[in-house]
Amino acid sequence: MSAKSFIQQSLKLNNMEAIESDIPYIQKVLQAIRKAELTAVIPEDLNEEVPIVIVDPELIQYD
């Protein structure tokens, strides 16, 4: 199945009209989304590394 027919069929299944001139734009958007998904680096465990906190002593107020 070509990308063009896939886009047309997907739009039809969602009760949307497939405008012929919009299909190349939709295809570019889908390619950009796919590229972003492939290049996204998500750490396995966000809590594995303890964050470093630097506090300015002037900001600390004593009661």
N, C-alpha and C. Protein backbone atom coordinates (compact mmCIF):
# COMPACT_ATOMS: atom_id res chain seq x y z
N MET A 1 0.85 -1.17 0.00
CA MET A 1 0.00 0.00 0.00
C MET A 1 0.90 1.23 0.00
N SER A 2 0.63 2.14 -0.91
CA SER A 2 1.43 3.36 -0.96
C SER A 2 1.02 4.32 0.15
N ALA A 3 1.89 5.28 0.41
CA ALA A 3 1.61 6.25 1.47
C ALA A 3 0.36 7.06 1.13
N LYS A 4 0.20 7.38 -0.14
CA LYS A 4 -0.95 8.17 -0.57
C LYS A 4 -2.26 7.42 -0.31
N SER A 5 -2.30 6.17 -0.67
CA SER A 5 -3.52 5.39 -0.46
C SER A 5 -3.76 5.12 1.03
N PHE A 6 -2.68 4.96 1.79
CA PHE A 6 -2.81 4.77 3.24
C PHE A 6 -3.44 6.01 3.89
N ILE A 7 -2.96 7.19 3.50
CA ILE A 7 -3.50 8.43 4.05
C ILE A 7 -4.96 8.59 3.66
N GLN A 8 -5.27 8.33 2.40
CA GLN A 8 -6.66 8.45 1.95
C GLN A 8 -7.57 7.49 2.70
N GLN A 9 -7.13 6.26 2.86
CA GLN A 9 -7.93 5.26 3.55
C GLN A 9 -8.10 5.62 5.03
N SER A 10 -7.04 6.09 5.66
CA SER A 10 -7.12 6.48 7.07
C SER A 10 -8.08 7.65 7.27
N LEU A 11 -8.03 8.61 6.39
CA LEU A 11 -8.95 9.74 6.48
C LEU A 11 -10.40 9.28 6.26
N LYS A 12 -10.58 8.38 5.31
CA LYS A 12 -11.92 7.88 5.01
C LYS A 12 -12.49 7.12 6.21
N LEU A 13 -11.65 6.32 6.89
CA LEU A 13 -12.10 5.57 8.06
C LEU A 13 -12.51 6.48 9.21
N ASN A 14 -11.94 7.69 9.24
CA ASN A 14 -12.26 8.66 10.29
C ASN A 14 -13.28 9.69 9.81
N ASN A 15 -14.02 9.35 8.76
CA ASN A 15 -15.06 10.21 8.20
C ASN A 15 -14.56 11.60 7.83
N MET A 16 -13.36 11.65 7.25
CA MET A 16 -12.79 12.90 6.79
C MET A 16 -12.60 12.84 5.28
N GLU A 17 -12.77 13.97 4.66
CA GLU A 17 -12.61 14.04 3.21
C GLU A 17 -11.13 14.18 2.88
N ALA A 18 -10.65 13.42 1.93
CA ALA A 18 -9.26 13.48 1.50
C ALA A 18 -9.13 14.49 0.37
N ILE A 19 -8.54 15.64 0.68
CA ILE A 19 -8.29 16.66 -0.33
C ILE A 19 -6.95 16.33 -0.98
N GLU A 20 -6.99 16.16 -2.28
CA GLU A 20 -5.82 15.68 -3.03
C GLU A 20 -4.58 16.55 -2.81
N SER A 21 -4.77 17.85 -2.74
CA SER A 21 -3.61 18.75 -2.60
C SER A 21 -3.02 18.72 -1.19
N ASP A 22 -3.75 18.21 -0.21
CA ASP A 22 -3.26 18.14 1.17
C ASP A 22 -2.47 16.87 1.47
N ILE A 23 -2.57 15.87 0.64
CA ILE A 23 -1.94 14.58 0.91
C ILE A 23 -0.42 14.68 1.03
N PRO A 24 0.28 15.41 0.14
CA PRO A 24 1.74 15.52 0.33
C PRO A 24 2.11 16.21 1.65
N TYR A 25 1.34 17.22 2.05
CA TYR A 25 1.60 17.90 3.32
C TYR A 25 1.38 16.93 4.49
N ILE A 26 0.30 16.17 4.46
CA ILE A 26 0.02 15.20 5.52
C ILE A 26 1.14 14.16 5.58
N GLN A 27 1.62 13.75 4.43
CA GLN A 27 2.70 12.76 4.38
C GLN A 27 3.97 13.32 5.02
N LYS A 28 4.30 14.59 4.76
CA LYS A 28 5.48 15.20 5.36
C LYS A 28 5.34 15.32 6.88
N VAL A 29 4.14 15.65 7.34
CA VAL A 29 3.90 15.75 8.78
C VAL A 29 4.08 14.38 9.43
N LEU A 30 3.53 13.34 8.81
CA LEU A 30 3.67 11.99 9.37
C LEU A 30 5.12 11.54 9.38
N GLN A 31 5.88 11.89 8.35
CA GLN A 31 7.30 11.56 8.32
C GLN A 31 8.07 12.29 9.42
N ALA A 32 7.72 13.55 9.66
CA ALA A 32 8.38 14.32 10.72
C ALA A 32 8.07 13.72 12.09
N ILE A 33 6.83 13.30 12.29
CA ILE A 33 6.45 12.67 13.56
C ILE A 33 7.22 11.37 13.75
N ARG A 34 7.30 10.58 12.71
CA ARG A 34 8.02 9.30 12.79
C ARG A 34 9.51 9.53 13.09
N LYS A 35 10.10 10.52 12.43
CA LYS A 35 11.51 10.82 12.65
C LYS A 35 11.74 11.28 14.10
N ALA A 36 10.83 12.09 14.62
CA ALA A 36 10.95 12.56 15.99
C ALA A 36 10.83 11.40 16.98
N GLU A 37 9.94 10.46 16.69
CA GLU A 37 9.78 9.30 17.57
C GLU A 37 11.04 8.43 17.59
N LEU A 38 11.67 8.29 16.43
CA LEU A 38 12.86 7.44 16.35
C LEU A 38 14.07 8.08 17.00
N THR A 39 14.16 9.41 16.98
CA THR A 39 15.33 10.08 17.52
C THR A 39 15.15 10.50 18.98
N ALA A 40 13.96 10.37 19.52
CA ALA A 40 13.73 10.75 20.91
C ALA A 40 14.47 9.79 21.84
N VAL A 41 15.24 10.36 22.76
CA VAL A 41 15.98 9.55 23.72
C VAL A 41 15.30 9.71 25.07
N ILE A 42 14.74 8.63 25.55
CA ILE A 42 14.06 8.64 26.83
C ILE A 42 14.88 7.81 27.80
N PRO A 43 15.33 8.43 28.90
CA PRO A 43 16.12 7.66 29.87
C PRO A 43 15.30 6.50 30.44
N GLU A 44 15.99 5.40 30.70
CA GLU A 44 15.30 4.21 31.21
C GLU A 44 14.68 4.46 32.57
N ASP A 45 15.45 5.10 33.46
CA ASP A 45 14.93 5.36 34.80
C ASP A 45 15.30 6.79 35.19
N LEU A 46 14.31 7.65 35.27
CA LEU A 46 14.57 9.05 35.60
C LEU A 46 15.03 9.23 37.03
N ASN A 47 14.67 8.31 37.92
CA ASN A 47 15.02 8.43 39.33
C ASN A 47 16.35 7.78 39.66
N GLU A 48 17.01 7.23 38.69
CA GLU A 48 18.25 6.52 38.93
C GLU A 48 19.36 7.47 39.38
N GLU A 49 19.41 8.66 38.80
CA GLU A 49 20.46 9.61 39.14
C GLU A 49 19.90 10.70 40.05
N VAL A 50 20.62 10.99 41.12
CA VAL A 50 20.17 12.00 42.08
C VAL A 50 20.50 13.38 41.51
N PRO A 51 19.52 14.29 41.46
CA PRO A 51 19.80 15.62 40.92
C PRO A 51 20.66 16.44 41.88
N ILE A 52 21.43 17.33 41.33
CA ILE A 52 22.27 18.22 42.13
C ILE A 52 21.50 19.53 42.33
N VAL A 53 21.41 19.97 43.56
CA VAL A 53 20.71 21.21 43.87
C VAL A 53 21.71 22.18 44.48
N ILE A 54 21.80 23.35 43.90
CA ILE A 54 22.67 24.39 44.42
C ILE A 54 21.77 25.50 44.95
N VAL A 55 21.94 25.81 46.22
CA VAL A 55 21.10 26.83 46.86
C VAL A 55 21.96 28.03 47.21
N ASP A 56 21.47 29.18 46.86
CA ASP A 56 22.16 30.43 47.21
C ASP A 56 21.89 30.71 48.68
N PRO A 57 22.91 30.84 49.52
CA PRO A 57 22.70 31.07 50.96
C PRO A 57 21.88 32.32 51.25
N GLU A 58 21.92 33.31 50.40
CA GLU A 58 21.16 34.53 50.62
C GLU A 58 19.66 34.30 50.48
N LEU A 59 19.27 33.25 49.80
CA LEU A 59 17.85 32.98 49.60
C LEU A 59 17.24 32.25 50.80
N ILE A 60 18.07 31.67 51.64
CA ILE A 60 17.57 30.94 52.81
C ILE A 60 17.29 31.94 53.92
N GLN A 61 16.07 31.91 54.42
CA GLN A 61 15.69 32.81 55.53
C GLN A 61 15.44 31.97 56.76
N TYR A 62 15.90 32.47 57.88
CA TYR A 62 15.69 31.77 59.14
C TYR A 62 14.55 32.43 59.90
N ASP A 63 13.71 31.63 60.49
CA ASP A 63 12.60 32.18 61.30
C ASP A 63 13.05 32.52 62.68
